[in-house]
Amino acid sequence: MACTIDFRCLDEGFGGKTYKRKWNPEAAADDEDAAMEIDAAYPRPAKRSAVSSSDNPDKQVFGRPSYDVVIAGKVSGRKWKQPRKQRSSAIQVSRKGTTFEEREKNKSVKKAYKERMAELKGVIKRNKEEKRRKSLREKKKKENILKTWTKLQIISKKRAR
C-alpha cells in the first residue's frame, strides 16, 4: 500500500522552502530590507544559483560549484537537463551526398580490386592443380619403380632347426 504522508513540505534539508522552483517575492523583500548595498535598479534573479548550505542560502560561496547550472529540478528526482549542443532543427537537415566524380572514382577502385582478387584466385587455383598433378606423377613413378626393379622372392624351403 502506498504511503499517504507527503514529505515534500518538510523544512529539513532541500525538502521544504529552499527546494521550490519559483522565486518567492516576499522572502526577497525581507532580504532587500536586511541587505546594506543592494542596487534597486536590478531585480534579483528568478532562479537561485547553487548554495553552500540549506540553513543560510545567502551565504557567499567561494570557488566553483560542482555543477554549472542553477538548482531547478523535479520533485520526482529527475536528473538535471544537459545543455543543448545543437539546435533541434538540425536533425531535419539532410546530409549532402557524394559528388558524381567521387562515386565514379570509388566504383573504379572497387572494380580494380575485384579484378585483382579474381586474378590472384586464378593463380592460386592453377598452382594447386599443378601441385596435385606433380604429386600424382611422382606417385605413379614410384609405383613403376617398385614393379620393375624389385622381384618377389618366394621362399619355398623351410630351414631345419
Protein backbone atom coordinates (compact mmCIF):
# COMPACT_ATOMS: atom_id res chain seq x y z
CA MET A 1 0.00 0.00 0.00
CA ALA A 2 1.30 3.46 -0.86
CA CYS A 3 2.29 5.92 1.84
CA THR A 4 -0.24 8.76 2.24
CA ILE A 5 2.11 11.16 4.03
CA ASP A 6 3.64 13.88 1.85
CA PHE A 7 7.25 14.57 2.90
CA ARG A 8 7.88 17.27 0.31
CA CYS A 9 6.80 20.16 2.52
CA LEU A 10 9.13 19.37 5.41
CA ASP A 11 11.61 22.11 6.30
CA GLU A 12 14.64 19.84 6.56
CA GLY A 13 17.43 19.99 4.03
CA PHE A 14 16.27 20.76 0.50
CA GLY A 15 12.79 19.28 1.06
CA GLY A 16 11.00 22.46 2.10
CA LYS A 17 11.12 26.16 1.32
CA THR A 18 14.52 26.21 -0.35
CA TYR A 19 13.59 23.46 -2.83
CA LYS A 20 10.80 25.39 -4.54
CA ARG A 21 11.33 26.07 -8.21
CA LYS A 22 9.78 29.54 -8.26
CA TRP A 23 11.21 32.59 -6.56
CA ASN A 24 9.35 33.84 -3.50
CA PRO A 25 8.92 37.65 -3.76
CA GLU A 26 8.01 38.02 -0.05
CA ALA A 27 11.29 36.47 1.05
CA ALA A 28 13.10 38.69 -1.43
CA ALA A 29 11.51 41.80 0.09
CA ASP A 30 12.73 40.75 3.55
CA ASP A 31 16.22 40.15 2.16
CA GLU A 32 16.28 43.56 0.47
CA ASP A 33 15.48 45.31 3.76
CA ALA A 34 18.23 43.41 5.57
CA ALA A 35 20.93 43.89 2.95
CA MET A 36 23.12 47.00 3.07
CA GLU A 37 24.20 47.56 -0.52
CA ILE A 38 21.57 46.37 -2.99
CA ASP A 39 21.06 48.20 -6.23
CA ALA A 40 17.31 48.72 -6.66
CA ALA A 41 17.63 49.13 -10.44
CA TYR A 42 18.47 45.45 -10.95
CA PRO A 43 15.95 42.86 -9.70
CA ARG A 44 17.22 39.65 -8.18
CA PRO A 45 17.30 36.64 -10.47
CA ALA A 46 14.22 34.43 -10.50
CA LYS A 47 16.23 31.25 -10.01
CA ARG A 48 18.75 30.86 -7.25
CA SER A 49 22.20 29.55 -8.02
CA ALA A 50 23.91 26.76 -6.12
CA VAL A 51 24.01 27.44 -2.38
CA SER A 52 26.51 26.22 0.15
CA SER A 53 24.08 25.39 2.96
CA SER A 54 20.36 24.93 3.48
CA ASP A 55 20.45 26.97 6.71
CA ASN A 56 21.70 30.21 5.12
CA PRO A 57 21.05 30.43 1.38
CA ASP A 58 22.55 33.94 1.22
CA LYS A 59 25.93 32.71 2.45
CA GLN A 60 28.57 33.50 -0.16
CA VAL A 61 30.11 30.53 -1.95
CA PHE A 62 33.81 30.60 -2.80
CA GLY A 63 35.11 28.62 -5.76
CA ARG A 64 33.12 26.96 -8.50
CA PRO A 65 30.13 24.79 -7.61
CA SER A 66 30.21 21.15 -8.60
CA TYR A 67 27.73 21.90 -11.41
CA ASP A 68 27.31 24.85 -13.74
CA VAL A 69 23.53 25.17 -13.73
CA VAL A 70 21.08 26.59 -11.22
CA ILE A 71 19.06 24.43 -8.87
CA ALA A 72 15.84 23.76 -10.75
CA GLY A 73 14.77 20.15 -10.80
CA LYS A 74 11.72 18.00 -10.42
CA VAL A 75 10.34 16.77 -7.11
CA SER A 76 10.42 13.28 -8.61
CA GLY A 77 14.23 13.39 -8.55
CA ARG A 78 14.77 13.51 -12.29
CA LYS A 79 18.30 14.38 -13.34
CA TRP A 80 19.21 17.86 -14.46
CA LYS A 81 18.83 18.77 -18.10
CA GLN A 82 22.01 18.73 -20.11
CA PRO A 83 22.84 21.91 -22.05
CA ARG A 84 21.97 21.57 -25.73
CA LYS A 85 24.88 21.11 -28.10
CA GLN A 86 22.94 21.76 -31.31
CA ARG A 87 19.59 23.09 -32.44
CA SER A 88 16.71 20.66 -32.58
CA SER A 89 16.02 21.74 -36.16
CA ALA A 90 19.47 20.45 -37.15
CA ILE A 91 18.09 16.91 -37.06
CA GLN A 92 15.85 17.65 -40.05
CA VAL A 93 18.72 18.84 -42.25
CA SER A 94 19.62 16.22 -44.85
CA ARG A 95 23.20 15.11 -45.38
CA LYS A 96 24.95 16.14 -48.55
CA GLY A 97 25.71 13.19 -50.78
CA THR A 98 28.97 12.47 -52.53
CA THR A 99 29.70 14.04 -55.90
CA PHE A 100 29.50 12.15 -59.19
CA GLU A 101 33.29 12.19 -59.60
CA GLU A 102 33.82 10.67 -56.15
CA ARG A 103 31.27 7.92 -56.85
CA GLU A 104 32.93 7.10 -60.20
CA LYS A 105 36.35 7.03 -58.55
CA ASN A 106 35.13 4.69 -55.79
CA LYS A 107 33.47 2.48 -58.38
CA SER A 108 36.67 2.19 -60.45
CA VAL A 109 38.72 1.39 -57.33
CA LYS A 110 36.26 -1.36 -56.36
CA LYS A 111 36.30 -2.78 -59.88
CA ALA A 112 40.13 -2.88 -59.97
CA TYR A 113 40.16 -4.55 -56.55
CA LYS A 114 37.70 -7.25 -57.66
CA GLU A 115 39.69 -7.91 -60.85
CA ARG A 116 42.93 -8.25 -58.90
CA MET A 117 41.28 -10.63 -56.40
CA ALA A 118 39.90 -12.78 -59.24
CA GLU A 119 43.35 -12.87 -60.85
CA LEU A 120 45.02 -13.93 -57.60
CA LYS A 121 42.38 -16.62 -57.02
CA GLY A 122 43.02 -17.98 -60.53
CA VAL A 123 46.79 -18.09 -59.88
CA ILE A 124 46.25 -19.95 -56.60
CA LYS A 125 43.90 -22.44 -58.29
CA ARG A 126 46.40 -23.11 -61.11
CA ASN A 127 49.20 -23.64 -58.60
CA LYS A 128 47.11 -26.14 -56.64
CA GLU A 129 46.23 -28.08 -59.80
CA GLU A 130 49.89 -28.16 -60.87
CA LYS A 131 50.94 -29.38 -57.42
CA ARG A 132 48.28 -32.12 -57.48
CA ARG A 133 49.36 -33.26 -60.97
CA LYS A 134 53.01 -33.30 -59.87
CA SER A 135 52.23 -35.40 -56.79
CA LEU A 136 50.23 -37.89 -58.91
CA ARG A 137 53.13 -38.13 -61.39
CA GLU A 138 55.60 -38.82 -58.54
CA LYS A 139 53.31 -41.45 -57.03
CA LYS A 140 52.95 -43.25 -60.37
CA LYS A 141 56.72 -43.13 -60.92
CA LYS A 142 57.38 -44.73 -57.51
CA GLU A 143 54.88 -47.49 -58.21
CA ASN A 144 56.51 -48.26 -61.58
CA ILE A 145 59.97 -48.39 -59.99
CA LEU A 146 58.74 -50.84 -57.38
CA LYS A 147 57.14 -53.03 -60.06
CA THR A 148 60.13 -53.21 -62.43
CA TRP A 149 63.18 -53.17 -60.17
CA THR A 150 62.14 -55.41 -57.37
CA LYS A 151 61.46 -59.11 -57.72
CA LEU A 152 59.29 -61.04 -55.40
CA GLN A 153 61.26 -63.69 -53.61
CA ILE A 154 59.28 -66.75 -52.73
CA ILE A 155 60.82 -68.87 -50.01
CA SER A 156 59.74 -72.42 -50.63
CA LYS A 157 62.16 -74.40 -48.46
CA LYS A 158 61.93 -74.14 -44.75
CA ARG A 159 65.09 -74.37 -42.71
CA ALA A 160 65.52 -77.16 -40.27
CA ARG A 161 66.21 -76.24 -36.79
